[in-house]
Amino acid sequence: YYPPAPPRDTGPHRYVFLLYQEPNVDFVIPAHAHECKRGAKDRAKWNAASFADKYGLKLVGVNYVVVRGDE
């Protein structure tokens, strides 16, 4: 988890949290998977729907928060 950290003076930023039900108790995303990369550049344009389809996940909850950088 990386906490919200919008740049200063860039207005409000929306952070969306998606909760998925895993297909079984032994579910593991492979360590070499694109989704396991840590850099923001590696995760740019990540597609949540494609991720869910790829791993057989079911969306069961959504929430969001709006955060502003210190001004």
PDB file of N, CA and C in Angstrom:
ATOM      1  N   TYR A   1       0.841  -1.174   0.000  1.00  0.00           N
ATOM      2  CA  TYR A   1       0.000   0.000   0.000  1.00  0.00           C
ATOM      3  C   TYR A   1       0.883   1.233   0.000  1.00  0.00           C
ATOM      4  N   TYR A   2       0.587   2.143  -0.888  1.00  0.00           N
ATOM      5  CA  TYR A   2       1.239   3.448  -0.905  1.00  0.00           C
ATOM      6  C   TYR A   2       0.176   4.486  -0.572  1.00  0.00           C
ATOM      7  N   PRO A   3       0.391   5.317   0.455  1.00  0.00           N
ATOM      8  CA  PRO A   3      -0.631   6.298   0.822  1.00  0.00           C
ATOM      9  C   PRO A   3      -0.765   7.383  -0.245  1.00  0.00           C
ATOM     10  N   PRO A   4      -1.907   8.050  -0.286  1.00  0.00           N
ATOM     11  CA  PRO A   4      -2.081   9.156  -1.228  1.00  0.00           C
ATOM     12  C   PRO A   4      -1.026  10.235  -0.992  1.00  0.00           C
ATOM     13  N   ALA A   5      -0.459  10.737  -2.063  1.00  0.00           N
ATOM     14  CA  ALA A   5       0.565  11.782  -1.951  1.00  0.00           C
ATOM     15  C   ALA A   5       0.530  12.666  -3.198  1.00  0.00           C
ATOM     16  N   PRO A   6      -0.577  13.394  -3.397  1.00  0.00           N
ATOM     17  CA  PRO A   6      -0.642  14.239  -4.590  1.00  0.00           C
ATOM     18  C   PRO A   6       0.358  15.389  -4.503  1.00  0.00           C
ATOM     19  N   PRO A   7       0.905  15.793  -5.634  1.00  0.00           N
ATOM     20  CA  PRO A   7       1.829  16.930  -5.642  1.00  0.00           C
ATOM     21  C   PRO A   7       1.132  18.213  -5.194  1.00  0.00           C
ATOM     22  N   ARG A   8       1.910  19.126  -4.665  1.00  0.00           N
ATOM     23  CA  ARG A   8       1.369  20.421  -4.230  1.00  0.00           C
ATOM     24  C   ARG A   8       0.759  21.173  -5.405  1.00  0.00           C
ATOM     25  N   ASP A   9      -0.269  21.932  -5.093  1.00  0.00           N
ATOM     26  CA  ASP A   9      -0.887  22.857  -6.054  1.00  0.00           C
ATOM     27  C   ASP A   9      -1.355  22.185  -7.339  1.00  0.00           C
ATOM     28  N   THR A  10      -1.845  20.961  -7.244  1.00  0.00           N
ATOM     29  CA  THR A  10      -2.351  20.269  -8.436  1.00  0.00           C
ATOM     30  C   THR A  10      -3.844  19.987  -8.336  1.00  0.00           C
ATOM     31  N   GLY A  11      -4.497  20.566  -7.345  1.00  0.00           N
ATOM     32  CA  GLY A  11      -5.931  20.363  -7.213  1.00  0.00           C
ATOM     33  C   GLY A  11      -6.260  19.019  -6.593  1.00  0.00           C
ATOM     34  N   PRO A  12      -7.540  18.695  -6.554  1.00  0.00           N
ATOM     35  CA  PRO A  12      -7.958  17.435  -5.938  1.00  0.00           C
ATOM     36  C   PRO A  12      -7.604  16.222  -6.799  1.00  0.00           C
ATOM     37  N   HIS A  13      -7.253  15.147  -6.125  1.00  0.00           N
ATOM     38  CA  HIS A  13      -6.949  13.869  -6.783  1.00  0.00           C
ATOM     39  C   HIS A  13      -7.899  12.814  -6.218  1.00  0.00           C
ATOM     40  N   ARG A  14      -8.447  11.978  -7.079  1.00  0.00           N
ATOM     41  CA  ARG A  14      -9.337  10.896  -6.665  1.00  0.00           C
ATOM     42  C   ARG A  14      -8.542   9.590  -6.587  1.00  0.00           C
ATOM     43  N   TYR A  15      -8.659   8.919  -5.462  1.00  0.00           N
ATOM     44  CA  TYR A  15      -8.043   7.608  -5.274  1.00  0.00           C
ATOM     45  C   TYR A  15      -9.175   6.599  -5.100  1.00  0.00           C
ATOM     46  N   VAL A  16      -9.172   5.571  -5.924  1.00  0.00           N
ATOM     47  CA  VAL A  16     -10.246   4.581  -5.924  1.00  0.00           C
ATOM     48  C   VAL A  16      -9.721   3.271  -5.343  1.00  0.00           C
ATOM     49  N   PHE A  17     -10.504   2.680  -4.457  1.00  0.00           N
ATOM     50  CA  PHE A  17     -10.173   1.401  -3.839  1.00  0.00           C
ATOM     51  C   PHE A  17     -11.160   0.358  -4.350  1.00  0.00           C
ATOM     52  N   LEU A  18     -10.645  -0.721  -4.909  1.00  0.00           N
ATOM     53  CA  LEU A  18     -11.472  -1.794  -5.447  1.00  0.00           C
ATOM     54  C   LEU A  18     -11.243  -3.055  -4.613  1.00  0.00           C
ATOM     55  N   LEU A  19     -12.314  -3.695  -4.213  1.00  0.00           N
ATOM     56  CA  LEU A  19     -12.232  -4.919  -3.420  1.00  0.00           C
ATOM     57  C   LEU A  19     -12.710  -6.089  -4.278  1.00  0.00           C
ATOM     58  N   TYR A  20     -11.838  -7.079  -4.443  1.00  0.00           N
ATOM     59  CA  TYR A  20     -12.153  -8.240  -5.269  1.00  0.00           C
ATOM     60  C   TYR A  20     -12.221  -9.502  -4.425  1.00  0.00           C
ATOM     61  N   GLN A  21     -13.132 -10.379  -4.790  1.00  0.00           N
ATOM     62  CA  GLN A  21     -13.191 -11.709  -4.188  1.00  0.00           C
ATOM     63  C   GLN A  21     -12.268 -12.616  -4.992  1.00  0.00           C
ATOM     64  N   GLU A  22     -11.384 -13.311  -4.297  1.00  0.00           N
ATOM     65  CA  GLU A  22     -10.453 -14.223  -4.959  1.00  0.00           C
ATOM     66  C   GLU A  22     -11.174 -15.507  -5.353  1.00  0.00           C
ATOM     67  N   PRO A  23     -10.725 -16.165  -6.436  1.00  0.00           N
ATOM     68  CA  PRO A  23     -11.417 -17.356  -6.921  1.00  0.00           C
ATOM     69  C   PRO A  23     -11.284 -18.575  -6.005  1.00  0.00           C
ATOM     70  N   ASN A  24     -10.228 -18.627  -5.184  1.00  0.00           N
ATOM     71  CA  ASN A  24     -10.053 -19.755  -4.264  1.00  0.00           C
ATOM     72  C   ASN A  24      -9.066 -19.360  -3.172  1.00  0.00           C
ATOM     73  N   VAL A  25      -8.951 -20.201  -2.149  1.00  0.00           N
ATOM     74  CA  VAL A  25      -8.096 -19.874  -1.003  1.00  0.00           C
ATOM     75  C   VAL A  25      -6.611 -19.929  -1.326  1.00  0.00           C
ATOM     76  N   ASP A  26      -6.228 -20.614  -2.382  1.00  0.00           N
ATOM     77  CA  ASP A  26      -4.818 -20.738  -2.756  1.00  0.00           C
ATOM     78  C   ASP A  26      -4.395 -19.712  -3.806  1.00  0.00           C
ATOM     79  N   PHE A  27      -5.200 -18.697  -4.010  1.00  0.00           N
ATOM     80  CA  PHE A  27      -4.935 -17.706  -5.054  1.00  0.00           C
ATOM     81  C   PHE A  27      -3.664 -16.912  -4.755  1.00  0.00           C
ATOM     82  N   VAL A  28      -2.781 -16.826  -5.750  1.00  0.00           N
ATOM     83  CA  VAL A  28      -1.549 -16.046  -5.643  1.00  0.00           C
ATOM     84  C   VAL A  28      -1.267 -15.425  -7.006  1.00  0.00           C
ATOM     85  N   ILE A  29      -0.929 -14.144  -7.011  1.00  0.00           N
ATOM     86  CA  ILE A  29      -0.486 -13.506  -8.248  1.00  0.00           C
ATOM     87  C   ILE A  29       0.995 -13.838  -8.394  1.00  0.00           C
ATOM     88  N   PRO A  30       1.430 -14.362  -9.533  1.00  0.00           N
ATOM     89  CA  PRO A  30       2.843 -14.712  -9.709  1.00  0.00           C
ATOM     90  C   PRO A  30       3.760 -13.510  -9.467  1.00  0.00           C
ATOM     91  N   ALA A  31       4.880 -13.743  -8.804  1.00  0.00           N
ATOM     92  CA  ALA A  31       5.809 -12.659  -8.460  1.00  0.00           C
ATOM     93  C   ALA A  31       6.328 -11.920  -9.688  1.00  0.00           C
ATOM     94  N   HIS A  32       6.397 -12.572 -10.843  1.00  0.00           N
ATOM     95  CA  HIS A  32       6.908 -11.933 -12.059  1.00  0.00           C
ATOM     96  C   HIS A  32       5.822 -11.143 -12.803  1.00  0.00           C
ATOM     97  N   ALA A  33       4.589 -11.177 -12.313  1.00  0.00           N
ATOM     98  CA  ALA A  33       3.476 -10.505 -12.994  1.00  0.00           C
ATOM     99  C   ALA A  33       3.672  -8.991 -13.018  1.00  0.00           C
ATOM    100  N   HIS A  34       3.178  -8.379 -14.070  1.00  0.00           N
ATOM    101  CA  HIS A  34       3.254  -6.920 -14.228  1.00  0.00           C
ATOM    102  C   HIS A  34       2.662  -6.204 -13.008  1.00  0.00           C
ATOM    103  N   GLU A  35       1.605  -6.759 -12.427  1.00  0.00           N
ATOM    104  CA  GLU A  35       0.922  -6.125 -11.297  1.00  0.00           C
ATOM    105  C   GLU A  35       1.775  -6.079 -10.036  1.00  0.00           C
ATOM    106  N   CYS A  36       2.852  -6.848  -9.978  1.00  0.00           N
ATOM    107  CA  CYS A  36       3.707  -6.880  -8.790  1.00  0.00           C
ATOM    108  C   CYS A  36       4.852  -5.878  -8.851  1.00  0.00           C
ATOM    109  N   LYS A  37       4.996  -5.190  -9.961  1.00  0.00           N
ATOM    110  CA  LYS A  37       6.071  -4.205 -10.072  1.00  0.00           C
ATOM    111  C   LYS A  37       5.756  -3.009  -9.185  1.00  0.00           C
ATOM    112  N   ARG A  38       6.790  -2.421  -8.606  1.00  0.00           N
ATOM    113  CA  ARG A  38       6.589  -1.375  -7.613  1.00  0.00           C
ATOM    114  C   ARG A  38       6.607   0.045  -8.160  1.00  0.00           C
ATOM    115  N   GLY A  39       7.324   0.284  -9.222  1.00  0.00           N
ATOM    116  CA  GLY A  39       7.456   1.650  -9.714  1.00  0.00           C
ATOM    117  C   GLY A  39       6.177   2.177 -10.337  1.00  0.00           C
ATOM    118  N   ALA A  40       5.886   3.445 -10.092  1.00  0.00           N
ATOM    119  CA  ALA A  40       4.686   4.064 -10.654  1.00  0.00           C
ATOM    120  C   ALA A  40       4.702   3.998 -12.177  1.00  0.00           C
ATOM    121  N   LYS A  41       5.875   4.122 -12.763  1.00  0.00           N
ATOM    122  CA  LYS A  41       5.986   4.067 -14.218  1.00  0.00           C
ATOM    123  C   LYS A  41       5.573   2.687 -14.730  1.00  0.00           C
ATOM    124  N   ASP A  42       5.918   1.637 -13.988  1.00  0.00           N
ATOM    125  CA  ASP A  42       5.545   0.273 -14.364  1.00  0.00           C
ATOM    126  C   ASP A  42       4.037   0.044 -14.257  1.00  0.00           C
ATOM    127  N   ARG A  43       3.387   0.795 -13.367  1.00  0.00           N
ATOM    128  CA  ARG A  43       1.954   0.598 -13.144  1.00  0.00           C
ATOM    129  C   ARG A  43       1.092   1.580 -13.927  1.00  0.00           C
ATOM    130  N   ALA A  44       1.682   2.486 -14.673  1.00  0.00           N
ATOM    131  CA  ALA A  44       0.913   3.481 -15.424  1.00  0.00           C
ATOM    132  C   ALA A  44      -0.046   2.798 -16.390  1.00  0.00           C
ATOM    133  N   LYS A  45      -1.213   3.357 -16.497  1.00  0.00           N
ATOM    134  CA  LYS A  45      -2.261   2.861 -17.405  1.00  0.00           C
ATOM    135  C   LYS A  45      -2.673   1.426 -17.088  1.00  0.00           C
ATOM    136  N   TRP A  46      -2.542   1.041 -15.829  1.00  0.00           N
ATOM    137  CA  TRP A  46      -2.984  -0.275 -15.374  1.00  0.00           C
ATOM    138  C   TRP A  46      -4.496  -0.347 -15.518  1.00  0.00           C
ATOM    139  N   ASN A  47      -5.019  -1.482 -15.972  1.00  0.00           N
ATOM    140  CA  ASN A  47      -6.442  -1.641 -16.232  1.00  0.00           C
ATOM    141  C   ASN A  47      -7.035  -2.643 -15.243  1.00  0.00           C
ATOM    142  N   ALA A  48      -7.849  -2.143 -14.322  1.00  0.00           N
ATOM    143  CA  ALA A  48      -8.412  -2.993 -13.273  1.00  0.00           C
ATOM    144  C   ALA A  48      -9.319  -4.085 -13.838  1.00  0.00           C
ATOM    145  N   ALA A  49     -10.117  -3.763 -14.854  1.00  0.00           N
ATOM    146  CA  ALA A  49     -11.029  -4.756 -15.434  1.00  0.00           C
ATOM    147  C   ALA A  49     -10.249  -5.896 -16.097  1.00  0.00           C
ATOM    148  N   SER A  50      -9.180  -5.561 -16.805  1.00  0.00           N
ATOM    149  CA  SER A  50      -8.346  -6.596 -17.432  1.00  0.00           C
ATOM    150  C   SER A  50      -7.672  -7.465 -16.376  1.00  0.00           C
ATOM    151  N   PHE A  51      -7.206  -6.831 -15.308  1.00  0.00           N
ATOM    152  CA  PHE A  51      -6.591  -7.546 -14.193  1.00  0.00           C
ATOM    153  C   PHE A  51      -7.574  -8.558 -13.610  1.00  0.00           C
ATOM    154  N   ALA A  52      -8.805  -8.127 -13.361  1.00  0.00           N
ATOM    155  CA  ALA A  52      -9.820  -9.008 -12.786  1.00  0.00           C
ATOM    156  C   ALA A  52     -10.131 -10.170 -13.724  1.00  0.00           C
ATOM    157  N   ASP A  53     -10.269  -9.878 -15.006  1.00  0.00           N
ATOM    158  CA  ASP A  53     -10.538 -10.943 -15.982  1.00  0.00           C
ATOM    159  C   ASP A  53      -9.390 -11.947 -16.044  1.00  0.00           C
ATOM    160  N   LYS A  54      -8.171 -11.428 -16.044  1.00  0.00           N
ATOM    161  CA  LYS A  54      -6.982 -12.278 -16.159  1.00  0.00           C
ATOM    162  C   LYS A  54      -6.890 -13.290 -15.018  1.00  0.00           C
ATOM    163  N   TYR A  55      -7.257 -12.861 -13.797  1.00  0.00           N
ATOM    164  CA  TYR A  55      -7.097 -13.711 -12.624  1.00  0.00           C
ATOM    165  C   TYR A  55      -8.416 -14.267 -12.074  1.00  0.00           C
ATOM    166  N   GLY A  56      -9.516 -14.051 -12.788  1.00  0.00           N
ATOM    167  CA  GLY A  56     -10.799 -14.603 -12.360  1.00  0.00           C
ATOM    168  C   GLY A  56     -11.335 -13.995 -11.081  1.00  0.00           C
ATOM    169  N   LEU A  57     -11.132 -12.695 -10.897  1.00  0.00           N
ATOM    170  CA  LEU A  57     -11.577 -12.012  -9.690  1.00  0.00           C
ATOM    171  C   LEU A  57     -12.969 -11.419  -9.885  1.00  0.00           C
ATOM    172  N   LYS A  58     -13.721 -11.332  -8.790  1.00  0.00           N
ATOM    173  CA  LYS A  58     -15.065 -10.760  -8.831  1.00  0.00           C
ATOM    174  C   LYS A  58     -15.072  -9.478  -8.004  1.00  0.00           C
ATOM    175  N   LEU A  59     -15.463  -8.373  -8.620  1.00  0.00           N
ATOM    176  CA  LEU A  59     -15.543  -7.092  -7.918  1.00  0.00           C
ATOM    177  C   LEU A  59     -16.706  -7.135  -6.930  1.00  0.00           C
ATOM    178  N   VAL A  60     -16.416  -6.892  -5.644  1.00  0.00           N
ATOM    179  CA  VAL A  60     -17.457  -6.955  -4.615  1.00  0.00           C
ATOM    180  C   VAL A  60     -17.609  -5.651  -3.837  1.00  0.00           C
ATOM    181  N   GLY A  61     -16.702  -4.695  -4.040  1.00  0.00           N
ATOM    182  CA  GLY A  61     -16.821  -3.424  -3.327  1.00  0.00           C
ATOM    183  C   GLY A  61     -15.957  -2.347  -3.941  1.00  0.00           C
ATOM    184  N   VAL A  62     -16.409  -1.103  -3.774  1.00  0.00           N
ATOM    185  CA  VAL A  62     -15.681   0.056  -4.300  1.00  0.00           C
ATOM    186  C   VAL A  62     -15.809   1.196  -3.300  1.00  0.00           C
ATOM    187  N   ASN A  63     -14.748   1.963  -3.144  1.00  0.00           N
ATOM    188  CA  ASN A  63     -14.776   3.177  -2.337  1.00  0.00           C
ATOM    189  C   ASN A  63     -13.775   4.150  -2.937  1.00  0.00           C
ATOM    190  N   TYR A  64     -13.844   5.398  -2.535  1.00  0.00           N
ATOM    191  CA  TYR A  64     -12.889   6.381  -3.043  1.00  0.00           C
ATOM    192  C   TYR A  64     -12.668   7.466  -1.999  1.00  0.00           C
ATOM    193  N   VAL A  65     -11.604   8.208  -2.205  1.00  0.00           N
ATOM    194  CA  VAL A  65     -11.300   9.354  -1.357  1.00  0.00           C
ATOM    195  C   VAL A  65     -10.742  10.441  -2.265  1.00  0.00           C
ATOM    196  N   VAL A  66     -11.038  11.686  -1.928  1.00  0.00           N
ATOM    197  CA  VAL A  66     -10.499  12.827  -2.663  1.00  0.00           C
ATOM    198  C   VAL A  66      -9.483  13.505  -1.752  1.00  0.00           C
ATOM    199  N   VAL A  67      -8.271  13.715  -2.273  1.00  0.00           N
ATOM    200  CA  VAL A  67      -7.173  14.270  -1.486  1.00  0.00           C
ATOM    201  C   VAL A  67      -6.553  15.432  -2.243  1.00  0.00           C
ATOM    202  N   ARG A  68      -6.188  16.465  -1.509  1.00  0.00           N
ATOM    203  CA  ARG A  68      -5.475  17.602  -2.098  1.00  0.00           C
ATOM    204  C   ARG A  68      -4.072  17.639  -1.503  1.00  0.00           C
ATOM    205  N   GLY A  69      -3.088  18.025  -2.328  1.00  0.00           N
ATOM    206  CA  GLY A  69      -1.739  18.215  -1.815  1.00  0.00           C
ATOM    207  C   GLY A  69      -1.703  19.448  -0.923  1.00  0.00           C
ATOM    208  N   ASP A  70      -0.744  19.506  -0.012  1.00  0.00           N
ATOM    209  CA  ASP A  70      -0.613  20.693   0.840  1.00  0.00           C
ATOM    210  C   ASP A  70      -0.432  21.915  -0.029  1.00  0.00           C
ATOM    211  N   GLU A  71      -1.157  22.955   0.304  1.00  0.00           N
ATOM    212  CA  GLU A  71      -1.083  24.182  -0.500  1.00  0.00           C
ATOM    213  C   GLU A  71      -0.413  25.290   0.273  1.00  0.00           C
TER     214      GLU A  71
END
